[in-house]
Amino acid sequence: MGVRVGQQAPDFTAATYHRGEFGSVNLSDHAGKWVLLCFYPGDFTFV
């Protein structure tokens, strides 16, 4: 699945870690708002 500039991103759920607690977030929870998504694989690894 790919998304191009100008297309709506598909809804998804992602795992989160915030203020010492694990949780999840849905993209649809932020509908109608500006959202910046940043992914950096390998975080919390000892490479």
N, C-alpha and C. Protein backbone atom coordinates (compact mmCIF):
# COMPACT_ATOMS: atom_id res chain seq x y z
N MET A 1 0.85 -1.16 0.00
CA MET A 1 0.00 0.00 0.00
C MET A 1 0.90 1.23 0.00
N GLY A 2 0.59 2.16 -0.83
CA GLY A 2 1.35 3.40 -0.88
C GLY A 2 0.43 4.60 -0.86
N VAL A 3 0.96 5.70 -0.39
CA VAL A 3 0.20 6.94 -0.35
C VAL A 3 1.02 7.98 -1.09
N ARG A 4 0.35 8.77 -1.90
CA ARG A 4 1.02 9.83 -2.65
C ARG A 4 0.64 11.18 -2.07
N VAL A 5 1.46 12.16 -2.36
CA VAL A 5 1.19 13.52 -1.91
C VAL A 5 -0.18 13.94 -2.40
N GLY A 6 -0.96 14.50 -1.50
CA GLY A 6 -2.30 14.96 -1.85
C GLY A 6 -3.39 13.94 -1.59
N GLN A 7 -3.01 12.69 -1.35
CA GLN A 7 -4.00 11.66 -1.04
C GLN A 7 -4.21 11.58 0.47
N GLN A 8 -5.39 11.13 0.85
CA GLN A 8 -5.68 10.94 2.26
C GLN A 8 -4.97 9.67 2.73
N ALA A 9 -4.35 9.74 3.88
CA ALA A 9 -3.68 8.58 4.46
C ALA A 9 -4.72 7.59 4.97
N PRO A 10 -4.47 6.30 4.83
CA PRO A 10 -5.41 5.32 5.35
C PRO A 10 -5.39 5.32 6.88
N ASP A 11 -6.51 5.00 7.48
CA ASP A 11 -6.56 4.93 8.94
C ASP A 11 -5.70 3.78 9.44
N PHE A 12 -5.05 3.96 10.56
CA PHE A 12 -4.23 2.91 11.16
C PHE A 12 -4.17 3.11 12.66
N THR A 13 -3.75 2.08 13.35
CA THR A 13 -3.51 2.13 14.79
C THR A 13 -2.04 1.86 15.01
N ALA A 14 -1.40 2.63 15.89
CA ALA A 14 0.02 2.47 16.17
C ALA A 14 0.25 2.41 17.67
N ALA A 15 1.24 1.64 18.06
CA ALA A 15 1.63 1.56 19.46
C ALA A 15 2.34 2.84 19.86
N THR A 16 2.13 3.28 21.09
CA THR A 16 2.77 4.49 21.59
C THR A 16 3.42 4.23 22.94
N TYR A 17 4.35 5.09 23.27
CA TYR A 17 4.97 5.11 24.60
C TYR A 17 5.11 6.56 24.98
N HIS A 18 4.37 6.99 26.00
CA HIS A 18 4.34 8.40 26.37
C HIS A 18 4.28 8.53 27.88
N ARG A 19 5.20 9.30 28.43
CA ARG A 19 5.26 9.54 29.87
C ARG A 19 5.26 8.26 30.69
N GLY A 20 6.05 7.30 30.23
CA GLY A 20 6.24 6.07 30.98
C GLY A 20 5.14 5.04 30.83
N GLU A 21 4.22 5.25 29.90
CA GLU A 21 3.13 4.29 29.72
C GLU A 21 2.96 3.92 28.25
N PHE A 22 2.63 2.65 28.02
CA PHE A 22 2.34 2.18 26.67
C PHE A 22 0.87 2.40 26.36
N GLY A 23 0.58 2.63 25.10
CA GLY A 23 -0.80 2.85 24.68
C GLY A 23 -0.91 2.68 23.18
N SER A 24 -1.95 3.23 22.60
CA SER A 24 -2.13 3.19 21.15
C SER A 24 -2.82 4.46 20.69
N VAL A 25 -2.67 4.74 19.43
CA VAL A 25 -3.29 5.92 18.83
C VAL A 25 -3.83 5.53 17.46
N ASN A 26 -4.99 6.07 17.12
CA ASN A 26 -5.58 5.87 15.79
C ASN A 26 -5.48 7.17 15.02
N LEU A 27 -5.16 7.08 13.75
CA LEU A 27 -5.09 8.28 12.93
C LEU A 27 -6.45 8.95 12.87
N SER A 28 -7.51 8.17 12.87
CA SER A 28 -8.86 8.74 12.78
C SER A 28 -9.22 9.58 14.01
N ASP A 29 -8.50 9.40 15.12
CA ASP A 29 -8.74 10.23 16.31
C ASP A 29 -8.40 11.69 16.06
N HIS A 30 -7.62 11.95 15.02
CA HIS A 30 -7.14 13.30 14.74
C HIS A 30 -7.71 13.83 13.42
N ALA A 31 -8.83 13.29 12.99
CA ALA A 31 -9.46 13.71 11.73
C ALA A 31 -9.76 15.21 11.77
N GLY A 32 -9.45 15.88 10.67
CA GLY A 32 -9.70 17.31 10.57
C GLY A 32 -8.60 18.18 11.14
N LYS A 33 -7.53 17.57 11.65
CA LYS A 33 -6.41 18.32 12.23
C LYS A 33 -5.15 18.05 11.40
N TRP A 34 -4.20 18.95 11.48
CA TRP A 34 -2.90 18.72 10.87
C TRP A 34 -2.17 17.68 11.70
N VAL A 35 -1.55 16.71 11.02
CA VAL A 35 -0.83 15.63 11.71
C VAL A 35 0.51 15.43 11.02
N LEU A 36 1.57 15.33 11.80
CA LEU A 36 2.90 15.03 11.28
C LEU A 36 3.28 13.65 11.80
N LEU A 37 3.56 12.74 10.87
CA LEU A 37 3.94 11.37 11.25
C LEU A 37 5.43 11.20 11.03
N CYS A 38 6.12 10.76 12.05
CA CYS A 38 7.57 10.52 11.97
C CYS A 38 7.84 9.08 12.38
N PHE A 39 8.54 8.36 11.55
CA PHE A 39 8.90 6.97 11.84
C PHE A 39 10.40 6.85 11.82
N TYR A 40 10.96 6.20 12.80
CA TYR A 40 12.37 5.94 12.79
C TYR A 40 12.62 4.54 13.34
N PRO A 41 12.69 3.58 12.40
CA PRO A 41 12.90 2.19 12.81
C PRO A 41 14.23 2.02 13.52
N GLY A 42 14.25 1.11 14.42
CA GLY A 42 15.48 0.83 15.15
C GLY A 42 15.58 1.57 16.47
N ASP A 43 14.59 2.38 16.80
CA ASP A 43 14.62 3.07 18.08
C ASP A 43 14.54 2.03 19.20
N PHE A 44 15.21 2.29 20.28
CA PHE A 44 15.28 1.38 21.43
C PHE A 44 16.00 0.07 21.10
N THR A 45 16.87 0.11 20.09
CA THR A 45 17.69 -1.07 19.80
C THR A 45 19.15 -0.74 20.12
N PHE A 46 19.91 -1.75 20.33
CA PHE A 46 21.32 -1.57 20.71
C PHE A 46 22.23 -1.86 19.53
N VAL A 47 22.04 -1.07 18.46
CA VAL A 47 22.85 -1.26 17.25
C VAL A 47 24.04 -0.35 17.32
